[in-house]
Amino acid sequence: MRADGLIAAGLAVSVAATVALGGCTDFGVSDPGESDEQVLYRWEQEDGPSSAERGSVQINEINWAGSVDDDGNYDPEDVFIELRNEYHRPYNMSGWRINLDGDYKQSFRLPEMDETLEPNQHFVIAAKEDGAFGDVADLIEPRLKLGKAAVRVELRDADRRLIEPAGSAEEPPFAGGYDLVTVRSMERSQMLFQNIGSQDRSWHANTDDIHGTDEGRQGIREGWRENTLASPGEPNSADYSGSTAGGGFE
């Protein structure tokens, strides 16, 4: 068979395979979402939910380990999740969904909101109003339970598009923990490339010095600042993991 005949035959097989699959090509890198039909994007809405692009709002910090007050009392249920707007547009997160997996399988929607999340702004979801993080929390959600053996957090917008995955439902938490004296949260590393929340290289433990001042712990209520090392509503602590640049320009 001539070369042009082989090419034509190959194209015919490719077209037939595409038709048989419903015209869909899956490269294993995209998430089809959960919507039954395509929904148009809604930008910068103040009176209703916004749509979002993948990664535009980042899961920036996960305090799954709990809190320890200044008297040494440990509360494993005093947890929080911090989101951060990494995009140049504000978002109204009304109706956005948090899906939890790992030790706990839970799903809840964010309530209706009058204000948008501005670029570079943080949004803290805490489990307890009377815990270490109640003063800085933008939302108190008693249903928020984060595992200790495995924790995964998934953020989807109001149209159920996947915005950000973080952690793993099968592996131990990537960073942070309780050492019987202090707790440290799991913070996002500031990487240039491949900063993927479901990979352990994208996270580091809070590195605050327990004997330092509490000037950098204003997001933690007084009475918990000595032994609870986290940065809700504030920039993350210094990252000494060496993962500050996930690639090169060569």
Protein backbone atom coordinates (compact mmCIF):
# COMPACT_ATOMS: atom_id res chain seq x y z
CA MET A 1 0.00 0.00 0.00
CA ARG A 2 1.27 3.50 -0.82
CA ALA A 3 2.26 5.88 2.00
CA ASP A 4 -0.68 8.20 1.32
CA GLY A 5 -2.98 5.19 1.52
CA LEU A 6 -1.58 4.23 4.92
CA ILE A 7 -2.07 7.78 6.22
CA ALA A 8 -5.67 7.83 4.99
CA ALA A 9 -6.37 4.48 6.60
CA GLY A 10 -4.88 5.65 9.89
CA LEU A 11 -7.00 8.79 9.88
CA ALA A 12 -10.11 6.75 9.22
CA VAL A 13 -9.39 4.51 12.21
CA SER A 14 -8.73 7.55 14.41
CA VAL A 15 -12.01 9.22 13.37
CA ALA A 16 -13.94 6.01 13.91
CA ALA A 17 -12.47 5.59 17.39
CA THR A 18 -13.35 9.20 18.28
CA VAL A 19 -16.93 8.75 17.12
CA ALA A 20 -17.20 5.51 19.08
CA LEU A 21 -16.09 7.34 22.24
CA GLY A 22 -18.63 10.08 21.73
CA GLY A 23 -16.12 12.56 20.33
CA CYS A 24 -14.31 12.84 23.67
CA THR A 25 -10.57 12.59 24.15
CA ASP A 26 -9.30 12.04 27.71
CA PHE A 27 -5.64 12.84 28.34
CA GLY A 28 -5.90 12.03 32.04
CA VAL A 29 -5.14 15.57 33.18
CA SER A 30 -8.57 17.22 33.28
CA ASP A 31 -11.52 16.88 35.61
CA PRO A 32 -14.93 16.69 33.91
CA GLY A 33 -16.64 18.12 36.98
CA GLU A 34 -20.00 16.97 38.24
CA SER A 35 -22.37 19.16 36.26
CA ASP A 36 -24.84 17.52 33.91
CA GLU A 37 -24.38 20.27 31.35
CA GLN A 38 -21.99 23.10 30.53
CA VAL A 39 -22.64 26.25 32.53
CA LEU A 40 -21.47 29.67 31.37
CA TYR A 41 -18.91 31.49 33.50
CA ARG A 42 -20.16 34.19 35.87
CA TRP A 43 -17.55 36.78 36.85
CA GLU A 44 -17.28 39.24 39.76
CA GLN A 45 -20.82 38.87 41.03
CA GLU A 46 -21.74 40.64 44.25
CA ASP A 47 -25.25 39.22 44.52
CA GLY A 48 -24.66 35.64 43.43
CA PRO A 49 -22.01 32.95 43.03
CA SER A 50 -19.04 33.42 40.71
CA SER A 51 -17.54 30.74 38.52
CA ALA A 52 -13.80 30.15 38.69
CA GLU A 53 -10.85 28.72 36.81
CA ARG A 54 -8.83 25.77 38.10
CA GLY A 55 -6.29 26.94 40.69
CA SER A 56 -7.61 30.50 40.87
CA VAL A 57 -8.53 30.02 44.53
CA GLN A 58 -5.90 28.02 46.38
CA ILE A 59 -6.21 25.87 49.47
CA ASN A 60 -3.40 27.71 51.23
CA GLU A 61 -3.30 26.18 54.71
CA ILE A 62 -4.82 23.14 56.43
CA ASN A 63 -4.61 22.92 60.19
CA TRP A 64 -5.67 19.29 60.65
CA ALA A 65 -3.69 18.77 63.87
CA GLY A 66 -5.91 20.83 66.21
CA SER A 67 -4.81 23.34 68.85
CA VAL A 68 -2.97 23.44 72.19
CA ASP A 69 -3.69 26.21 74.68
CA ASP A 70 -1.04 27.87 76.83
CA ASP A 71 -1.78 25.43 79.66
CA GLY A 72 -0.98 22.46 77.41
CA ASN A 73 -4.55 21.28 76.80
CA TYR A 74 -4.86 19.63 73.40
CA ASP A 75 -8.03 19.91 71.29
CA PRO A 76 -7.82 17.71 68.16
CA GLU A 77 -11.13 19.04 66.81
CA ASP A 78 -10.09 22.72 66.73
CA VAL A 79 -9.16 22.80 63.03
CA PHE A 80 -9.38 25.18 60.07
CA ILE A 81 -8.94 25.48 56.30
CA GLU A 82 -7.61 28.66 54.72
CA LEU A 83 -8.37 29.64 51.12
CA ARG A 84 -6.55 32.36 49.18
CA ASN A 85 -7.53 34.13 45.97
CA GLU A 86 -4.56 33.72 43.62
CA TYR A 87 -6.26 35.35 40.63
CA HIS A 88 -6.71 38.97 39.54
CA ARG A 89 -10.51 38.80 39.76
CA PRO A 90 -12.68 38.84 42.90
CA TYR A 91 -14.95 35.88 43.51
CA ASN A 92 -18.29 35.49 45.23
CA MET A 93 -18.01 32.03 46.80
CA SER A 94 -21.69 31.61 47.65
CA GLY A 95 -22.64 27.99 47.20
CA TRP A 96 -19.10 26.77 46.60
CA ARG A 97 -18.52 23.28 47.92
CA ILE A 98 -15.94 21.78 50.28
CA ASN A 99 -15.53 18.01 49.91
CA LEU A 100 -13.57 16.17 52.61
CA ASP A 101 -12.08 12.70 52.34
CA GLY A 102 -9.67 10.52 54.30
CA ASP A 103 -10.60 9.72 57.89
CA TYR A 104 -13.78 11.75 57.43
CA LYS A 105 -15.97 11.87 54.34
CA GLN A 106 -18.05 15.02 54.38
CA SER A 107 -19.40 17.60 51.97
CA PHE A 108 -20.90 21.02 52.62
CA ARG A 109 -21.63 24.21 50.74
CA LEU A 110 -20.49 27.68 51.71
CA PRO A 111 -23.40 29.96 52.67
CA GLU A 112 -24.66 32.94 50.70
CA MET A 113 -22.15 35.78 50.91
CA ASP A 114 -22.58 39.52 50.37
CA GLU A 115 -18.87 40.21 49.81
CA THR A 116 -16.39 38.88 47.28
CA LEU A 117 -12.99 37.36 47.95
CA GLU A 118 -10.56 39.94 46.62
CA PRO A 119 -7.21 39.12 44.95
CA ASN A 120 -4.63 37.94 47.53
CA GLN A 121 -7.29 37.89 50.25
CA HIS A 122 -7.60 34.95 52.67
CA PHE A 123 -10.79 33.17 53.71
CA VAL A 124 -10.64 31.05 56.88
CA ILE A 125 -13.13 28.28 57.66
CA ALA A 126 -12.85 27.15 61.29
CA ALA A 127 -14.65 24.38 63.13
CA LYS A 128 -15.06 26.17 66.48
CA GLU A 129 -16.07 29.68 67.42
CA ASP A 130 -14.64 29.33 70.93
CA GLY A 131 -11.34 27.75 69.86
CA ALA A 132 -7.97 29.18 68.90
CA PHE A 133 -9.10 30.52 65.53
CA GLY A 134 -12.56 31.95 66.20
CA ASP A 135 -11.41 35.60 66.12
CA VAL A 136 -10.01 35.42 62.58
CA ALA A 137 -12.46 32.95 61.04
CA ASP A 138 -14.65 34.21 58.18
CA LEU A 139 -16.90 31.19 58.59
CA ILE A 140 -17.57 28.86 61.53
CA GLU A 141 -18.53 25.44 60.20
CA PRO A 142 -19.14 22.85 62.97
CA ARG A 143 -19.30 20.07 60.35
CA LEU A 144 -15.63 20.64 59.52
CA LYS A 145 -13.69 17.56 60.65
CA LEU A 146 -10.20 16.83 59.37
CA GLY A 147 -8.55 13.43 59.66
CA LYS A 148 -5.34 12.70 61.52
CA ALA A 149 -4.28 9.57 59.58
CA ALA A 150 -5.33 10.90 56.15
CA VAL A 151 -6.94 14.14 55.00
CA ARG A 152 -8.00 15.39 51.60
CA VAL A 153 -9.78 18.68 50.90
CA GLU A 154 -11.41 19.46 47.58
CA LEU A 155 -12.76 22.87 46.56
CA ARG A 156 -15.40 23.20 43.82
CA ASP A 157 -17.25 26.29 42.65
CA ALA A 158 -21.02 26.68 42.59
CA ASP A 159 -21.16 24.92 39.20
CA ARG A 160 -19.26 21.98 40.73
CA ARG A 161 -16.12 22.63 38.71
CA LEU A 162 -12.96 21.39 40.41
CA ILE A 163 -10.97 24.42 41.58
CA GLU A 164 -8.33 22.83 43.81
CA PRO A 165 -7.51 19.46 45.40
CA ALA A 166 -5.26 19.23 48.47
CA GLY A 167 -3.85 16.35 50.49
CA SER A 168 -4.53 12.66 50.01
CA ALA A 169 -7.25 10.28 51.12
CA GLU A 170 -4.80 7.35 51.21
CA GLU A 171 -1.52 8.84 52.45
CA PRO A 172 -0.68 10.46 55.82
CA PRO A 173 -0.92 14.27 55.96
CA PHE A 174 1.91 15.84 54.02
CA ALA A 175 3.11 18.19 56.79
CA GLY A 176 2.31 19.51 60.24
CA GLY A 177 1.17 17.56 63.28
CA TYR A 178 1.13 17.31 67.08
CA ASP A 179 4.31 16.41 68.98
CA LEU A 180 2.68 16.22 72.45
CA VAL A 181 3.76 19.81 73.13
CA THR A 182 2.82 21.92 70.10
CA VAL A 183 0.75 21.65 66.94
CA ARG A 184 1.90 22.89 63.55
CA SER A 185 -0.34 23.50 60.58
CA MET A 186 0.27 22.36 57.00
CA GLU A 187 1.10 25.37 54.82
CA ARG A 188 1.37 25.75 51.06
CA SER A 189 4.88 26.17 49.65
CA GLN A 190 5.38 29.06 47.23
CA MET A 191 6.59 27.17 44.18
CA LEU A 192 6.98 28.63 40.71
CA PHE A 193 5.89 25.52 38.82
CA GLN A 194 3.79 22.42 39.47
CA ASN A 195 2.36 23.73 42.73
CA ILE A 196 -0.24 21.00 42.93
CA GLY A 197 -2.13 20.63 46.19
CA SER A 198 -2.40 16.84 45.91
CA GLN A 199 1.42 16.43 45.92
CA ASP A 200 3.41 16.37 49.15
CA ARG A 201 6.20 18.56 47.71
CA SER A 202 3.74 21.47 47.63
CA TRP A 203 3.44 21.67 51.43
CA HIS A 204 5.57 22.38 54.48
CA ALA A 205 4.95 22.55 58.22
CA ASN A 206 4.54 25.90 59.95
CA THR A 207 8.04 26.96 60.98
CA ASP A 208 7.31 29.58 63.63
CA ASP A 209 9.68 29.50 66.60
CA ILE A 210 7.83 28.42 69.73
CA HIS A 211 10.08 30.69 71.81
CA GLY A 212 9.71 33.68 69.51
CA THR A 213 7.31 36.59 69.82
CA ASP A 214 3.64 36.26 68.95
CA GLU A 215 3.70 39.19 66.52
CA GLY A 216 3.17 36.80 63.63
CA ARG A 217 0.35 34.91 65.32
CA GLN A 218 -2.37 37.53 65.37
CA GLY A 219 -4.72 35.07 63.69
CA ILE A 220 -4.56 32.89 66.81
CA ARG A 221 -6.56 33.88 69.87
CA GLU A 222 -4.67 34.90 73.02
CA GLY A 223 -4.31 31.92 75.31
CA TRP A 224 -3.31 29.62 72.44
CA ARG A 225 -0.36 31.43 70.87
CA GLU A 226 2.42 29.72 72.82
CA ASN A 227 1.79 26.17 71.58
CA THR A 228 -0.38 26.54 68.46
CA LEU A 229 1.77 27.30 65.43
CA ALA A 230 -0.31 28.34 62.42
CA SER A 231 -0.99 31.44 60.32
CA PRO A 232 -4.73 31.74 59.61
CA GLY A 233 -5.52 34.93 57.72
CA GLU A 234 -1.83 35.83 57.48
CA PRO A 235 1.09 35.07 55.13
CA ASN A 236 2.51 31.59 55.56
CA SER A 237 5.64 31.06 57.65
CA ALA A 238 9.08 30.71 56.09
CA ASP A 239 9.56 27.62 53.93
CA TYR A 240 12.89 25.85 54.51
CA SER A 241 12.00 22.77 52.48
CA GLY A 242 14.01 23.84 49.44
CA SER A 243 10.96 23.59 47.16
CA THR A 244 10.65 27.30 46.44
CA ALA A 245 11.08 26.85 42.69
CA GLY A 246 9.63 23.74 41.11
CA GLY A 247 11.47 24.07 37.81
CA GLY A 248 13.93 26.11 35.78
CA PHE A 249 14.06 28.43 32.81
CA GLU A 250 16.74 26.57 30.89
